[in-house]
Amino acid sequence: MIRDPSSVAFRREPIVRLRDGAILGEEWLLDHRPLPDRKKDWLVVVMAMVEKVPVAKTPDDRFISVNADTGQLSCSHFQPLWVALARRCRETHRRLVIEWTESAQSVSRDAVNLLACLREDLGVEIAIDDVGSAGLDSLWRITQIRPDWIKVDGNFFHRALTDPLTRDGLRRIVDMANENRMGCIVEWIEKAEHLDAAREYGVGYGQGFWWIKPIAQKRTPCNVL
């Protein structure tokens, strides 16, 4: 049970531009195992985001991204918290990205409408997470909100390394993102071979253990968070 927003801890994963290794942003992930399974616990987690993200000691030129699923975006208990987070980030000039994650719940117009308002009124950027995962709703989410970012599922990326059909699918996702001026981020870049492959496929941005400690590598990454 999570009771107090001040006790909630997040781990930060850098999001990196692949052409030069520059860190452009950080994804904040709940550092709690097991993950909560009750709505009231997740409400406390989002309260912690409202408290901590806008005043984070993060370089001003980096964005911070946080996760929200369809249920959390469409629920009347959560919606005021997302608005508060966006407003506080605007006040502190913190660039905020909300990653709309996969959910068993069907896509809700309430979620779409909230994200559209947060972007139009408060400057929030929208990312679609889990693209290429086993779920069925990622392409639907993309068409509903026209995101600023697309995040390719790490499992899908790793399958593309060895399976030609998956690799063709990944290239098409990357092409769609580039043609529509969406940033494309690939997850689970863990070693040099993954980085080289992502660049070869035309991916612009990456995330994974290649850039974060304590992961032993054959060579030291030039950018470590």
C-alpha atoms as a PDB file:
ATOM      1  CA  MET A   1       0.000   0.000   0.000  1.00  0.00           C
ATOM      2  CA  ILE A   2       1.261   3.464  -0.914  1.00  0.00           C
ATOM      3  CA  ARG A   3       0.020   6.113   1.506  1.00  0.00           C
ATOM      4  CA  ASP A   4       2.134   9.246   1.151  1.00  0.00           C
ATOM      5  CA  PRO A   5       3.163  10.993  -2.098  1.00  0.00           C
ATOM      6  CA  SER A   6       6.427  12.125  -0.508  1.00  0.00           C
ATOM      7  CA  SER A   7       7.466   8.485  -0.018  1.00  0.00           C
ATOM      8  CA  VAL A   8       7.024   7.557  -3.683  1.00  0.00           C
ATOM      9  CA  ALA A   9      10.316   6.982  -5.503  1.00  0.00           C
ATOM     10  CA  PHE A  10      10.923   7.075  -9.234  1.00  0.00           C
ATOM     11  CA  ARG A  11      13.808   5.745 -11.267  1.00  0.00           C
ATOM     12  CA  ARG A  12      14.864   7.780 -14.283  1.00  0.00           C
ATOM     13  CA  GLU A  13      15.775   6.383 -17.682  1.00  0.00           C
ATOM     14  CA  PRO A  14      17.388   8.718 -20.226  1.00  0.00           C
ATOM     15  CA  ILE A  15      15.932   9.169 -23.693  1.00  0.00           C
ATOM     16  CA  VAL A  16      18.774   9.719 -26.125  1.00  0.00           C
ATOM     17  CA  ARG A  17      19.158  11.116 -29.633  1.00  0.00           C
ATOM     18  CA  LEU A  18      20.941   8.360 -31.517  1.00  0.00           C
ATOM     19  CA  ARG A  19      22.902  10.428 -34.002  1.00  0.00           C
ATOM     20  CA  ASP A  20      25.018  12.134 -31.342  1.00  0.00           C
ATOM     21  CA  GLY A  21      24.203  10.539 -27.973  1.00  0.00           C
ATOM     22  CA  ALA A  22      22.637  13.688 -26.520  1.00  0.00           C
ATOM     23  CA  ILE A  23      20.212  13.081 -23.649  1.00  0.00           C
ATOM     24  CA  LEU A  24      16.968  14.871 -24.531  1.00  0.00           C
ATOM     25  CA  GLY A  25      14.703  13.654 -21.763  1.00  0.00           C
ATOM     26  CA  GLU A  26      13.992  11.275 -18.917  1.00  0.00           C
ATOM     27  CA  GLU A  27      11.214   8.787 -18.387  1.00  0.00           C
ATOM     28  CA  TRP A  28      10.155   8.586 -14.748  1.00  0.00           C
ATOM     29  CA  LEU A  29       9.155   5.047 -13.775  1.00  0.00           C
ATOM     30  CA  LEU A  30       7.716   3.993 -10.431  1.00  0.00           C
ATOM     31  CA  ASP A  31      10.473   2.362  -8.381  1.00  0.00           C
ATOM     32  CA  HIS A  32       8.209   0.037  -6.419  1.00  0.00           C
ATOM     33  CA  ARG A  33       7.864  -3.747  -6.549  1.00  0.00           C
ATOM     34  CA  PRO A  34       5.406  -5.207  -6.953  1.00  0.00           C
ATOM     35  CA  LEU A  35       3.594  -2.537  -8.902  1.00  0.00           C
ATOM     36  CA  PRO A  36       0.377  -1.384  -7.241  1.00  0.00           C
ATOM     37  CA  ASP A  37      -2.838  -3.055  -8.312  1.00  0.00           C
ATOM     38  CA  ARG A  38      -5.286  -0.701  -6.597  1.00  0.00           C
ATOM     39  CA  LYS A  39      -6.599   2.550  -8.003  1.00  0.00           C
ATOM     40  CA  LYS A  40      -6.094   4.400  -4.722  1.00  0.00           C
ATOM     41  CA  ASP A  41      -2.379   3.527  -4.755  1.00  0.00           C
ATOM     42  CA  TRP A  42      -1.990   4.818  -8.301  1.00  0.00           C
ATOM     43  CA  LEU A  43      -3.753   8.014  -7.273  1.00  0.00           C
ATOM     44  CA  VAL A  44      -1.012   8.552  -4.696  1.00  0.00           C
ATOM     45  CA  VAL A  45       1.614   7.872  -7.383  1.00  0.00           C
ATOM     46  CA  VAL A  46       0.141  10.552  -9.650  1.00  0.00           C
ATOM     47  CA  MET A  47      -0.042  12.927  -6.671  1.00  0.00           C
ATOM     48  CA  ALA A  48       3.686  12.313  -6.249  1.00  0.00           C
ATOM     49  CA  MET A  49       4.220  13.243  -9.899  1.00  0.00           C
ATOM     50  CA  VAL A  50       2.366  16.518  -9.323  1.00  0.00           C
ATOM     51  CA  GLU A  51       4.590  17.198  -6.327  1.00  0.00           C
ATOM     52  CA  LYS A  52       7.966  16.176  -7.742  1.00  0.00           C
ATOM     53  CA  VAL A  53       8.107  16.463 -11.536  1.00  0.00           C
ATOM     54  CA  PRO A  54       7.662  20.255 -11.884  1.00  0.00           C
ATOM     55  CA  VAL A  55      10.512  20.988  -9.448  1.00  0.00           C
ATOM     56  CA  ALA A  56      12.857  18.170 -10.462  1.00  0.00           C
ATOM     57  CA  LYS A  57      16.579  18.912 -10.505  1.00  0.00           C
ATOM     58  CA  THR A  58      16.837  18.055 -14.168  1.00  0.00           C
ATOM     59  CA  PRO A  59      18.559  20.192 -16.823  1.00  0.00           C
ATOM     60  CA  ASP A  60      16.112  22.726 -18.224  1.00  0.00           C
ATOM     61  CA  ASP A  61      16.572  21.527 -21.785  1.00  0.00           C
ATOM     62  CA  ARG A  62      15.377  17.993 -20.967  1.00  0.00           C
ATOM     63  CA  PHE A  63      11.777  16.862 -20.919  1.00  0.00           C
ATOM     64  CA  ILE A  64      10.321  14.523 -18.312  1.00  0.00           C
ATOM     65  CA  SER A  65       7.912  11.823 -19.445  1.00  0.00           C
ATOM     66  CA  VAL A  66       5.439   9.982 -17.229  1.00  0.00           C
ATOM     67  CA  ASN A  67       3.092   7.084 -17.922  1.00  0.00           C
ATOM     68  CA  ALA A  68      -0.700   7.069 -17.924  1.00  0.00           C
ATOM     69  CA  ASP A  69      -3.017   4.320 -19.110  1.00  0.00           C
ATOM     70  CA  THR A  70      -6.491   4.721 -20.562  1.00  0.00           C
ATOM     71  CA  GLY A  71      -8.213   4.140 -17.237  1.00  0.00           C
ATOM     72  CA  GLN A  72      -6.121   6.766 -15.489  1.00  0.00           C
ATOM     73  CA  LEU A  73      -6.732   9.298 -18.244  1.00  0.00           C
ATOM     74  CA  SER A  74     -10.484   8.774 -18.395  1.00  0.00           C
ATOM     75  CA  CYS A  75     -11.244   8.445 -14.656  1.00  0.00           C
ATOM     76  CA  SER A  76     -12.743  11.521 -12.985  1.00  0.00           C
ATOM     77  CA  HIS A  77     -10.567  10.952  -9.903  1.00  0.00           C
ATOM     78  CA  PHE A  78      -7.339  11.116 -11.920  1.00  0.00           C
ATOM     79  CA  GLN A  79      -8.173  13.826 -14.448  1.00  0.00           C
ATOM     80  CA  PRO A  80      -7.777  16.821 -12.093  1.00  0.00           C
ATOM     81  CA  LEU A  81      -4.351  15.501 -11.123  1.00  0.00           C
ATOM     82  CA  TRP A  82      -3.156  15.372 -14.743  1.00  0.00           C
ATOM     83  CA  VAL A  83      -4.367  18.934 -15.226  1.00  0.00           C
ATOM     84  CA  ALA A  84      -2.583  20.018 -12.041  1.00  0.00           C
ATOM     85  CA  LEU A  85       0.628  18.331 -13.184  1.00  0.00           C
ATOM     86  CA  ALA A  86       0.483  20.051 -16.561  1.00  0.00           C
ATOM     87  CA  ARG A  87      -0.246  23.455 -15.026  1.00  0.00           C
ATOM     88  CA  ARG A  88       2.579  23.185 -12.506  1.00  0.00           C
ATOM     89  CA  CYS A  89       5.014  22.123 -15.229  1.00  0.00           C
ATOM     90  CA  ARG A  90       4.011  25.115 -17.331  1.00  0.00           C
ATOM     91  CA  GLU A  91       4.546  27.402 -14.334  1.00  0.00           C
ATOM     92  CA  THR A  92       8.046  26.011 -13.730  1.00  0.00           C
ATOM     93  CA  HIS A  93       8.870  25.839 -17.472  1.00  0.00           C
ATOM     94  CA  ARG A  94       9.286  22.081 -17.253  1.00  0.00           C
ATOM     95  CA  ARG A  95       8.673  20.325 -20.561  1.00  0.00           C
ATOM     96  CA  LEU A  96       6.247  17.457 -19.904  1.00  0.00           C
ATOM     97  CA  VAL A  97       5.489  14.373 -22.003  1.00  0.00           C
ATOM     98  CA  ILE A  98       2.637  12.038 -21.084  1.00  0.00           C
ATOM     99  CA  GLU A  99       3.118   8.504 -22.393  1.00  0.00           C
ATOM    100  CA  TRP A 100      -0.238   6.910 -23.126  1.00  0.00           C
ATOM    101  CA  THR A 101       0.381   3.264 -22.298  1.00  0.00           C
ATOM    102  CA  GLU A 102      -1.303   0.067 -23.359  1.00  0.00           C
ATOM    103  CA  SER A 103      -4.387  -0.947 -21.405  1.00  0.00           C
ATOM    104  CA  ALA A 104      -6.892  -3.776 -21.381  1.00  0.00           C
ATOM    105  CA  GLN A 105      -9.554  -1.084 -21.313  1.00  0.00           C
ATOM    106  CA  SER A 106     -10.887   0.016 -24.681  1.00  0.00           C
ATOM    107  CA  VAL A 107      -9.868   3.432 -25.942  1.00  0.00           C
ATOM    108  CA  SER A 108     -11.978   6.108 -24.284  1.00  0.00           C
ATOM    109  CA  ARG A 109     -13.043   9.395 -25.827  1.00  0.00           C
ATOM    110  CA  ASP A 110     -12.574  10.908 -22.364  1.00  0.00           C
ATOM    111  CA  ALA A 111      -8.891   9.966 -22.476  1.00  0.00           C
ATOM    112  CA  VAL A 112      -8.497  11.363 -25.988  1.00  0.00           C
ATOM    113  CA  ASN A 113     -10.267  14.600 -25.075  1.00  0.00           C
ATOM    114  CA  LEU A 114      -8.172  15.105 -21.941  1.00  0.00           C
ATOM    115  CA  LEU A 115      -4.891  14.610 -23.792  1.00  0.00           C
ATOM    116  CA  ALA A 116      -5.995  16.942 -26.578  1.00  0.00           C
ATOM    117  CA  CYS A 117      -6.846  19.659 -24.037  1.00  0.00           C
ATOM    118  CA  LEU A 118      -3.590  19.191 -22.125  1.00  0.00           C
ATOM    119  CA  ARG A 119      -1.632  19.623 -25.339  1.00  0.00           C
ATOM    120  CA  GLU A 120      -3.620  22.548 -26.723  1.00  0.00           C
ATOM    121  CA  ASP A 121      -4.070  24.485 -23.479  1.00  0.00           C
ATOM    122  CA  LEU A 122      -0.966  23.597 -21.456  1.00  0.00           C
ATOM    123  CA  GLY A 123       1.672  22.549 -23.981  1.00  0.00           C
ATOM    124  CA  VAL A 124       1.949  18.907 -22.938  1.00  0.00           C
ATOM    125  CA  GLU A 125       3.519  16.577 -25.505  1.00  0.00           C
ATOM    126  CA  ILE A 126       1.906  13.185 -26.107  1.00  0.00           C
ATOM    127  CA  ALA A 127       3.690   9.882 -26.671  1.00  0.00           C
ATOM    128  CA  ILE A 128       2.079   6.573 -27.609  1.00  0.00           C
ATOM    129  CA  ASP A 129       3.809   3.792 -25.695  1.00  0.00           C
ATOM    130  CA  ASP A 130       4.020   0.035 -26.412  1.00  0.00           C
ATOM    131  CA  VAL A 131       3.774   0.304 -30.210  1.00  0.00           C
ATOM    132  CA  GLY A 132       4.324  -3.164 -31.645  1.00  0.00           C
ATOM    133  CA  SER A 133       3.514  -5.003 -28.412  1.00  0.00           C
ATOM    134  CA  ALA A 134       1.113  -7.909 -28.081  1.00  0.00           C
ATOM    135  CA  GLY A 135      -1.769  -5.525 -27.472  1.00  0.00           C
ATOM    136  CA  LEU A 136      -4.107  -4.389 -30.207  1.00  0.00           C
ATOM    137  CA  ASP A 137      -4.695  -0.733 -29.451  1.00  0.00           C
ATOM    138  CA  SER A 138      -1.436   1.105 -30.196  1.00  0.00           C
ATOM    139  CA  LEU A 139      -2.276   1.993 -33.808  1.00  0.00           C
ATOM    140  CA  TRP A 140      -5.751   3.042 -32.701  1.00  0.00           C
ATOM    141  CA  ARG A 141      -4.269   5.353 -30.079  1.00  0.00           C
ATOM    142  CA  ILE A 142      -1.944   6.852 -32.701  1.00  0.00           C
ATOM    143  CA  THR A 143      -4.820   7.649 -35.049  1.00  0.00           C
ATOM    144  CA  GLN A 144      -6.940   9.146 -32.258  1.00  0.00           C
ATOM    145  CA  ILE A 145      -4.450  11.700 -30.934  1.00  0.00           C
ATOM    146  CA  ARG A 146      -1.708  12.124 -33.604  1.00  0.00           C
ATOM    147  CA  PRO A 147       1.110  12.038 -31.030  1.00  0.00           C
ATOM    148  CA  ASP A 148       4.344  13.969 -30.824  1.00  0.00           C
ATOM    149  CA  TRP A 149       6.242  10.755 -30.049  1.00  0.00           C
ATOM    150  CA  ILE A 150       5.943   7.038 -30.796  1.00  0.00           C
ATOM    151  CA  LYS A 151       7.674   4.521 -28.533  1.00  0.00           C
ATOM    152  CA  VAL A 152       8.415   1.118 -30.050  1.00  0.00           C
ATOM    153  CA  ASP A 153       8.065  -1.815 -27.664  1.00  0.00           C
ATOM    154  CA  GLY A 154      11.409  -3.357 -26.725  1.00  0.00           C
ATOM    155  CA  ASN A 155      10.302  -6.920 -27.424  1.00  0.00           C
ATOM    156  CA  PHE A 156       9.180  -5.906 -30.908  1.00  0.00           C
ATOM    157  CA  PHE A 157      12.521  -4.218 -31.559  1.00  0.00           C
ATOM    158  CA  HIS A 158      14.457  -7.286 -30.417  1.00  0.00           C
ATOM    159  CA  ARG A 159      12.370  -9.548 -32.660  1.00  0.00           C
ATOM    160  CA  ALA A 160      13.151  -7.236 -35.566  1.00  0.00           C
ATOM    161  CA  LEU A 161      16.851  -7.968 -35.098  1.00  0.00           C
ATOM    162  CA  THR A 162      16.369 -11.568 -36.264  1.00  0.00           C
ATOM    163  CA  ASP A 163      12.990 -11.755 -38.019  1.00  0.00           C
ATOM    164  CA  PRO A 164      12.695 -10.125 -41.476  1.00  0.00           C
ATOM    165  CA  LEU A 165       8.909  -9.666 -41.302  1.00  0.00           C
ATOM    166  CA  THR A 166       9.087  -7.926 -37.921  1.00  0.00           C
ATOM    167  CA  ARG A 167      11.968  -5.813 -39.195  1.00  0.00           C
ATOM    168  CA  ASP A 168       9.864  -4.722 -42.170  1.00  0.00           C
ATOM    169  CA  GLY A 169       7.057  -3.788 -39.779  1.00  0.00           C
ATOM    170  CA  LEU A 170       9.455  -1.748 -37.664  1.00  0.00           C
ATOM    171  CA  ARG A 171      10.758   0.121 -40.703  1.00  0.00           C
ATOM    172  CA  ARG A 172       7.188   0.998 -41.670  1.00  0.00           C
ATOM    173  CA  ILE A 173       6.479   2.321 -38.171  1.00  0.00           C
ATOM    174  CA  VAL A 174       9.640   4.430 -38.359  1.00  0.00           C
ATOM    175  CA  ASP A 175       8.688   5.728 -41.812  1.00  0.00           C
ATOM    176  CA  MET A 176       5.196   6.655 -40.583  1.00  0.00           C
ATOM    177  CA  ALA A 177       6.676   8.552 -37.652  1.00  0.00           C
ATOM    178  CA  ASN A 178       9.223  10.400 -39.768  1.00  0.00           C
ATOM    179  CA  GLU A 179       6.728  11.305 -42.490  1.00  0.00           C
ATOM    180  CA  ASN A 180       4.348  12.750 -39.890  1.00  0.00           C
ATOM    181  CA  ARG A 181       7.049  14.560 -37.894  1.00  0.00           C
ATOM    182  CA  MET A 182       6.715  12.338 -34.859  1.00  0.00           C
ATOM    183  CA  GLY A 183       9.782  11.403 -32.862  1.00  0.00           C
ATOM    184  CA  CYS A 184      10.347   7.630 -32.848  1.00  0.00           C
ATOM    185  CA  ILE A 185      11.917   6.117 -29.721  1.00  0.00           C
ATOM    186  CA  VAL A 186      13.028   2.480 -29.539  1.00  0.00           C
ATOM    187  CA  GLU A 187      13.178   0.816 -26.125  1.00  0.00           C
ATOM    188  CA  TRP A 188      15.546  -1.884 -24.840  1.00  0.00           C
ATOM    189  CA  ILE A 189      18.754  -0.702 -26.468  1.00  0.00           C
ATOM    190  CA  GLU A 190      21.162  -2.670 -24.303  1.00  0.00           C
ATOM    191  CA  LYS A 191      24.395  -3.049 -26.279  1.00  0.00           C
ATOM    192  CA  ALA A 192      26.305  -1.646 -29.222  1.00  0.00           C
ATOM    193  CA  GLU A 193      24.697  -4.019 -31.711  1.00  0.00           C
ATOM    194  CA  HIS A 194      21.246  -2.753 -30.740  1.00  0.00           C
ATOM    195  CA  LEU A 195      22.338   0.853 -31.128  1.00  0.00           C
ATOM    196  CA  ASP A 196      23.815   0.172 -34.568  1.00  0.00           C
ATOM    197  CA  ALA A 197      20.664  -1.653 -35.703  1.00  0.00           C
ATOM    198  CA  ALA A 198      18.345   1.121 -34.513  1.00  0.00           C
ATOM    199  CA  ARG A 199      20.370   3.678 -36.437  1.00  0.00           C
ATOM    200  CA  GLU A 200      20.321   1.446 -39.519  1.00  0.00           C
ATOM    201  CA  TYR A 201      16.516   1.200 -39.337  1.00  0.00           C
ATOM    202  CA  GLY A 202      16.247   4.994 -39.314  1.00  0.00           C
ATOM    203  CA  VAL A 203      15.221   5.345 -35.660  1.00  0.00           C
ATOM    204  CA  GLY A 204      15.955   8.784 -34.234  1.00  0.00           C
ATOM    205  CA  TYR A 205      15.860   8.156 -30.487  1.00  0.00           C
ATOM    206  CA  GLY A 206      16.515   5.374 -28.010  1.00  0.00           C
ATOM    207  CA  GLN A 207      16.155   4.242 -24.436  1.00  0.00           C
ATOM    208  CA  GLY A 208      17.646   1.338 -22.511  1.00  0.00           C
ATOM    209  CA  PHE A 209      20.405  -0.134 -20.362  1.00  0.00           C
ATOM    210  CA  TRP A 210      23.102   1.020 -22.791  1.00  0.00           C
ATOM    211  CA  TRP A 211      22.888   4.448 -21.162  1.00  0.00           C
ATOM    212  CA  ILE A 212      22.165   3.703 -17.517  1.00  0.00           C
ATOM    213  CA  LYS A 213      24.187   2.270 -14.646  1.00  0.00           C
ATOM    214  CA  PRO A 214      24.952  -0.267 -13.263  1.00  0.00           C
ATOM    215  CA  ILE A 215      25.121  -2.230 -16.506  1.00  0.00           C
ATOM    216  CA  ALA A 216      28.528  -3.618 -17.421  1.00  0.00           C
ATOM    217  CA  GLN A 217      29.402  -2.978 -21.053  1.00  0.00           C
ATOM    218  CA  LYS A 218      32.399  -3.710 -23.221  1.00  0.00           C
ATOM    219  CA  ARG A 219      32.882   0.014 -23.685  1.00  0.00           C
ATOM    220  CA  THR A 220      31.789   3.002 -21.645  1.00  0.00           C
ATOM    221  CA  PRO A 221      28.834   4.924 -23.126  1.00  0.00           C
ATOM    222  CA  CYS A 222      29.566   8.583 -23.739  1.00  0.00           C
ATOM    223  CA  ASN A 223      26.348   9.611 -21.996  1.00  0.00           C
ATOM    224  CA  VAL A 224      25.422   7.972 -18.710  1.00  0.00           C
ATOM    225  CA  LEU A 225      22.674   9.349 -16.505  1.00  0.00           C
END
